N, C-alpha and C. Protein backbone atom coordinates (compact mmCIF):
# COMPACT_ATOMS: atom_id res chain seq x y z
N HIS A 1 7.20 0.84 -7.57
CA HIS A 1 5.78 -0.41 -7.64
C HIS A 1 4.93 0.28 -6.63
N SER A 2 3.66 0.49 -7.90
CA SER A 2 2.29 1.00 -7.19
C SER A 2 1.09 0.46 -7.81
N GLN A 3 0.42 -0.50 -6.61
CA GLN A 3 -0.80 -0.95 -7.42
C GLN A 3 -2.27 -0.68 -6.52
N PHE A 4 -2.81 -0.04 -7.61
CA PHE A 4 -3.95 0.64 -6.84
C PHE A 4 -5.26 -0.36 -6.51
N PHE A 5 -5.75 -0.29 -5.86
CA PHE A 5 -6.88 -1.58 -5.59
C PHE A 5 -8.04 -1.14 -5.04
N ASP A 6 -8.45 0.51 -4.52
CA ASP A 6 -9.52 0.77 -4.27
C ASP A 6 -9.51 2.58 -4.32
N GLY A 7 -9.87 2.85 -5.62
CA GLY A 7 -10.04 4.47 -5.91
C GLY A 7 -8.54 4.68 -6.01
N GLY A 8 -8.30 5.79 -4.84
CA GLY A 8 -6.85 6.88 -4.72
C GLY A 8 -5.94 5.58 -3.84
N GLN A 9 -6.21 3.96 -3.63
CA GLN A 9 -5.63 3.54 -2.44
C GLN A 9 -4.65 2.43 -2.93
N ALA A 10 -3.38 2.74 -2.82
CA ALA A 10 -2.62 1.25 -3.17
C ALA A 10 -1.62 0.86 -2.37
N PHE A 11 -1.20 -0.29 -2.72
CA PHE A 11 0.10 -1.12 -2.24
C PHE A 11 0.99 -0.17 -2.92
N HIS A 12 1.98 0.38 -2.32
CA HIS A 12 3.20 0.87 -3.14
C HIS A 12 4.33 1.11 -1.88
N SER A 13 5.95 1.22 -2.59
CA SER A 13 7.00 1.28 -1.67
C SER A 13 7.04 2.48 -1.21
N VAL A 14 7.57 2.51 0.11
CA VAL A 14 8.44 4.15 0.59
C VAL A 14 9.35 3.72 0.80
N THR A 15 10.33 4.99 0.45
CA THR A 15 11.98 4.95 1.40
C THR A 15 12.32 5.77 2.87
N LYS A 16 10.92 6.30 3.12
CA LYS A 16 10.86 7.15 4.99
C LYS A 16 10.15 6.74 5.30
N SER A 17 10.03 6.81 6.76
CA SER A 17 8.94 6.86 7.47
C SER A 17 7.71 7.03 7.26
N MET A 18 6.84 6.43 7.36
CA MET A 18 5.42 6.91 7.06
C MET A 18 4.61 7.11 8.68
N TYR A 19 5.31 6.95 9.14
CA TYR A 19 4.79 7.46 10.86
C TYR A 19 4.83 8.70 11.03
N ASN A 20 5.60 9.60 10.52
CA ASN A 20 5.99 11.06 10.43
C ASN A 20 5.12 11.98 9.68
N PRO A 21 4.70 13.15 10.04
CA PRO A 21 3.80 13.52 9.34
C PRO A 21 4.44 14.09 8.03
N PRO A 22 3.66 13.94 6.62
CA PRO A 22 2.06 13.78 6.61
C PRO A 22 1.50 12.42 7.07
N GLY A 23 2.61 11.44 7.08
CA GLY A 23 1.74 10.19 7.06
C GLY A 23 1.24 9.60 5.70
N SER A 24 0.37 8.47 6.12
CA SER A 24 -0.32 8.02 4.53
C SER A 24 -1.58 8.38 4.68
N GLY A 25 -2.19 8.63 3.36
CA GLY A 25 -3.77 9.10 3.24
C GLY A 25 -4.67 7.72 2.77
N GLY A 26 -4.06 6.18 3.34
CA GLY A 26 -5.21 5.33 3.38
C GLY A 26 -4.01 3.97 2.39
N CYS A 27 -2.88 4.72 2.08
CA CYS A 27 -2.03 3.28 1.21
C CYS A 27 -1.98 2.14 2.11
N VAL A 28 -1.11 1.34 1.13
CA VAL A 28 -0.34 0.56 1.90
C VAL A 28 0.82 0.64 2.08
N ASN A 29 1.36 0.76 3.19
CA ASN A 29 3.34 1.33 2.70
C ASN A 29 4.16 0.29 2.71
N MET A 30 4.96 0.01 1.85
CA MET A 30 5.67 -1.15 2.11
C MET A 30 6.96 -1.23 1.90
N ARG A 31 8.14 -1.87 2.22
CA ARG A 31 9.69 -2.20 2.08
C ARG A 31 9.84 -1.85 0.36
N PRO A 32 10.32 -1.50 -0.22
CA PRO A 32 10.64 -1.71 -1.61
C PRO A 32 10.56 -3.19 -2.23
N ALA A 33 11.36 -3.76 -1.15
CA ALA A 33 11.44 -5.55 -1.89
C ALA A 33 10.21 -5.74 -1.59
N ASP A 34 9.41 -5.59 -0.83
CA ASP A 34 8.56 -6.13 -0.25
C ASP A 34 7.05 -5.80 -1.78
N ALA A 35 6.98 -4.52 -2.14
CA ALA A 35 6.40 -3.87 -3.33
C ALA A 35 6.54 -4.28 -4.49
N LYS A 36 7.91 -4.80 -4.51
CA LYS A 36 8.42 -5.57 -5.88
C LYS A 36 7.81 -7.17 -5.70
N ALA A 37 7.71 -7.68 -4.58
CA ALA A 37 7.55 -8.88 -4.60
C ALA A 37 5.80 -9.12 -5.29
N TYR A 38 5.08 -7.71 -4.54
CA TYR A 38 3.65 -8.02 -4.96
C TYR A 38 3.51 -7.64 -6.44
N TRP A 39 4.20 -6.81 -6.63
CA TRP A 39 4.18 -6.46 -8.23
C TRP A 39 4.28 -7.84 -8.92
N LYS A 40 4.70 -8.42 -8.72
CA LYS A 40 5.01 -9.83 -9.34
C LYS A 40 3.88 -10.86 -9.15
N LEU A 41 3.37 -10.64 -7.82
CA LEU A 41 2.51 -11.76 -7.43
C LEU A 41 0.80 -11.15 -7.82
N LEU A 42 0.57 -9.88 -7.75
CA LEU A 42 -0.92 -9.44 -7.91
C LEU A 42 -0.92 -9.20 -9.70
N LYS A 43 -1.89 -9.44 -10.03
CA LYS A 43 -2.66 -9.38 -11.52
C LYS A 43 -4.11 -8.55 -11.43
N ASN A 44 -4.03 -7.25 -12.28
CA ASN A 44 -5.09 -6.90 -12.32
C ASN A 44 -6.54 -7.80 -12.55
N GLY A 45 -7.34 -6.92 -11.66
CA GLY A 45 -8.37 -7.85 -11.64
C GLY A 45 -8.71 -9.05 -10.18
N ASP A 46 -7.22 -9.02 -9.63
CA ASP A 46 -7.31 -10.01 -8.64
C ASP A 46 -7.95 -9.45 -7.39
N ASP A 47 -8.48 -10.17 -6.61
CA ASP A 47 -9.31 -9.52 -5.28
C ASP A 47 -8.50 -9.13 -4.18
N VAL A 48 -8.82 -8.01 -3.79
CA VAL A 48 -7.74 -7.43 -2.44
C VAL A 48 -8.67 -6.97 -1.32
N TYR A 49 -8.35 -7.72 0.07
CA TYR A 49 -8.82 -7.76 1.07
C TYR A 49 -7.85 -7.30 2.07
N VAL A 50 -8.45 -5.76 2.70
CA VAL A 50 -7.58 -4.91 3.70
C VAL A 50 -7.99 -5.14 5.10
N TYR A 51 -7.57 -5.77 6.14
CA TYR A 51 -8.43 -5.58 7.17
C TYR A 51 -7.60 -4.67 8.43
N GLY A 52 -8.50 -4.39 8.89
CA GLY A 52 -7.54 -3.34 10.16
C GLY A 52 -8.20 -1.93 10.16
N ARG A 53 -7.90 -1.01 10.81
CA ARG A 53 -8.71 0.47 10.48
C ARG A 53 -7.47 1.53 10.59
N LYS A 54 -7.84 2.42 10.19
CA LYS A 54 -6.71 3.77 9.56
C LYS A 54 -6.64 4.40 11.13
N PRO A 55 -5.59 4.76 11.17
CA PRO A 55 -4.97 5.03 12.44
C PRO A 55 -5.95 6.50 12.99
N GLY A 56 -6.45 6.47 14.24
CA GLY A 56 -6.82 7.77 14.44
C GLY A 56 -8.53 7.64 14.15
N THR A 57 -8.99 6.54 13.97
CA THR A 57 -10.51 5.91 13.61
C THR A 57 -10.80 5.03 14.96
């Protein structure tokens, strides 16, 4: 389950730790169950606001 919201950034599920290299390139990594719930909740054209900062910035 992947939902792109800003160019190459997406909400998507991961099955392993993203804290180890190479990590994430800017996506929102989610547990598979959470990504599935977002897939059912969000629709094309919905506004998405992401707060925080990328690690290392």
